C-alpha atoms as a PDB file:
ATOM      1  CA  MET A   1     -48.155  59.468-313.060  1.00  0.00           C
ATOM      2  CA  THR A   2     -45.694  61.504-310.993  1.00  0.00           C
ATOM      3  CA  SER A   3     -47.038  60.021-307.813  1.00  0.00           C
ATOM      4  CA  PHE A   4     -46.351  56.560-309.124  1.00  0.00           C
ATOM      5  CA  PHE A   5     -42.690  57.311-309.808  1.00  0.00           C
ATOM      6  CA  ASN A   6     -42.385  59.091-306.453  1.00  0.00           C
ATOM      7  CA  GLY A   7     -43.823  56.051-304.750  1.00  0.00           C
ATOM      8  CA  LEU A   8     -41.421  53.816-306.702  1.00  0.00           C
ATOM      9  CA  GLY A   9     -38.540  56.008-305.679  1.00  0.00           C
ATOM     10  CA  TRP A  10     -39.576  55.868-302.016  1.00  0.00           C
ATOM     11  CA  PHE A  11     -39.947  52.076-302.142  1.00  0.00           C
ATOM     12  CA  ILE A  12     -36.524  51.467-303.622  1.00  0.00           C
ATOM     13  CA  GLY A  13     -34.658  54.211-301.817  1.00  0.00           C
ATOM     14  CA  ASP A  14     -36.190  53.974-298.349  1.00  0.00           C
ATOM     15  CA  PHE A  15     -37.461  50.418-298.156  1.00  0.00           C
ATOM     16  CA  LEU A  16     -35.244  48.144-300.305  1.00  0.00           C
ATOM     17  CA  MET A  17     -32.060  49.989-299.452  1.00  0.00           C
ATOM     18  CA  THR A  18     -32.530  49.858-295.716  1.00  0.00           C
ATOM     19  CA  PRO A  19     -30.143  46.839-295.246  1.00  0.00           C
ATOM     20  CA  MET A  20     -27.545  48.502-297.425  1.00  0.00           C
ATOM     21  CA  ASN A  21     -27.816  51.728-295.474  1.00  0.00           C
ATOM     22  CA  ALA A  22     -27.471  49.817-292.182  1.00  0.00           C
ATOM     23  CA  LEU A  23     -24.315  48.154-293.578  1.00  0.00           C
ATOM     24  CA  ALA A  24     -22.838  51.445-294.596  1.00  0.00           C
ATOM     25  CA  LYS A  25     -23.343  52.783-291.076  1.00  0.00           C
ATOM     26  CA  LEU A  26     -21.959  49.639-289.563  1.00  0.00           C
ATOM     27  CA  GLU A  27     -18.856  49.884-291.743  1.00  0.00           C
ATOM     28  CA  LEU A  28     -17.842  53.156-290.153  1.00  0.00           C
ATOM     29  CA  SER A  29     -17.598  51.426-286.716  1.00  0.00           C
ATOM     30  CA  ASN A  30     -16.535  47.837-287.586  1.00  0.00           C
ATOM     31  CA  TRP A  31     -15.257  46.923-290.998  1.00  0.00           C
ATOM     32  CA  TRP A  32     -14.925  43.223-290.359  1.00  0.00           C
ATOM     33  CA  LEU A  33     -18.480  42.857-289.091  1.00  0.00           C
ATOM     34  CA  ALA A  34     -19.879  44.832-292.052  1.00  0.00           C
ATOM     35  CA  ASN A  35     -18.057  42.667-294.594  1.00  0.00           C
ATOM     36  CA  PHE A  36     -18.857  39.304-292.878  1.00  0.00           C
ATOM     37  CA  ILE A  37     -21.430  38.456-295.584  1.00  0.00           C
ATOM     38  CA  THR A  38     -19.014  39.244-298.263  1.00  0.00           C
ATOM     39  CA  TRP A  39     -16.396  36.878-296.787  1.00  0.00           C
ATOM     40  CA  ILE A  40     -19.019  34.071-296.531  1.00  0.00           C
ATOM     41  CA  PHE A  41     -19.820  34.525-300.253  1.00  0.00           C
ATOM     42  CA  ILE A  42     -16.097  34.420-301.088  1.00  0.00           C
ATOM     43  CA  ILE A  43     -15.682  31.153-299.191  1.00  0.00           C
ATOM     44  CA  ILE A  44     -18.758  29.692-300.974  1.00  0.00           C
ATOM     45  CA  LEU A  45     -17.416  30.818-304.337  1.00  0.00           C
ATOM     46  CA  CYS A  46     -13.964  29.274-303.698  1.00  0.00           C
ATOM     47  CA  ALA A  47     -15.559  25.977-302.647  1.00  0.00           C
ATOM     48  CA  ALA A  48     -17.757  25.946-305.760  1.00  0.00           C
ATOM     49  CA  PHE A  49     -14.723  26.664-307.947  1.00  0.00           C
ATOM     50  CA  GLY A  50     -12.763  23.898-306.377  1.00  0.00           C
ATOM     51  CA  TYR A  51     -15.658  21.470-306.820  1.00  0.00           C
ATOM     52  CA  TRP A  52     -16.006  22.531-310.457  1.00  0.00           C
ATOM     53  CA  MET A  53     -12.219  21.959-311.105  1.00  0.00           C
ATOM     54  CA  LYS A  54     -12.381  18.540-309.421  1.00  0.00           C
ATOM     55  CA  GLN A  55     -15.281  17.534-311.753  1.00  0.00           C
ATOM     56  CA  LEU A  56     -13.437  18.760-314.807  1.00  0.00           C
ATOM     57  CA  ALA A  57     -10.350  16.695-313.811  1.00  0.00           C
ATOM     58  CA  ILE A  58     -12.532  13.582-313.372  1.00  0.00           C
ATOM     59  CA  PHE A  59     -14.119  13.939-316.767  1.00  0.00           C
ATOM     60  CA  HIS A  60     -10.692  14.701-318.331  1.00  0.00           C
ATOM     61  CA  GLU A  61      -9.118  11.556-316.828  1.00  0.00           C
ATOM     62  CA  SER A  62     -11.989   9.284-317.870  1.00  0.00           C
ATOM     63  CA  GLY A  63     -11.921  10.660-321.424  1.00  0.00           C
ATOM     64  CA  ALA A  64     -15.577  11.562-321.304  1.00  0.00           C
ATOM     65  CA  ASP A  65     -14.997  15.038-322.636  1.00  0.00           C
ATOM     66  CA  GLU A  66     -14.525  14.823-326.314  1.00  0.00           C
ATOM     67  CA  GLN A  67     -12.622  17.685-327.733  1.00  0.00           C
ATOM     68  CA  ASP A  68     -13.095  17.360-331.465  1.00  0.00           C
ATOM     69  CA  THR A  69     -11.419  20.176-333.282  1.00  0.00           C
ATOM     70  CA  THR A  70     -13.392  19.422-336.474  1.00  0.00           C
ATOM     71  CA  ALA A  71     -16.626  20.586-334.951  1.00  0.00           C
ATOM     72  CA  HIS A  72     -16.594  23.488-337.354  1.00  0.00           C
ATOM     73  CA  SER A  73     -15.627  23.328-340.950  1.00  0.00           C
ATOM     74  CA  PHE A  74     -13.176  26.245-340.655  1.00  0.00           C
ATOM     75  CA  LEU A  75     -11.137  24.341-338.034  1.00  0.00           C
ATOM     76  CA  LYS A  76     -10.225  21.499-340.454  1.00  0.00           C
END
């Protein structure tokens, strides 16, 4: 059973974390290059948030979103 957990530790620590270790070494020489993927995800997140807000405004203007405050008896 010990060898199973040692193998699991090797797989996670040495195999799955190889890209993270490479990014950690790259960050020491070039911060911008190491965080390029982070910036891409931030841009995607901002675009998705903008799209979401646009869709909420469309539904709000058309009146399709019913906001009934009597949905629960304690709100009457």
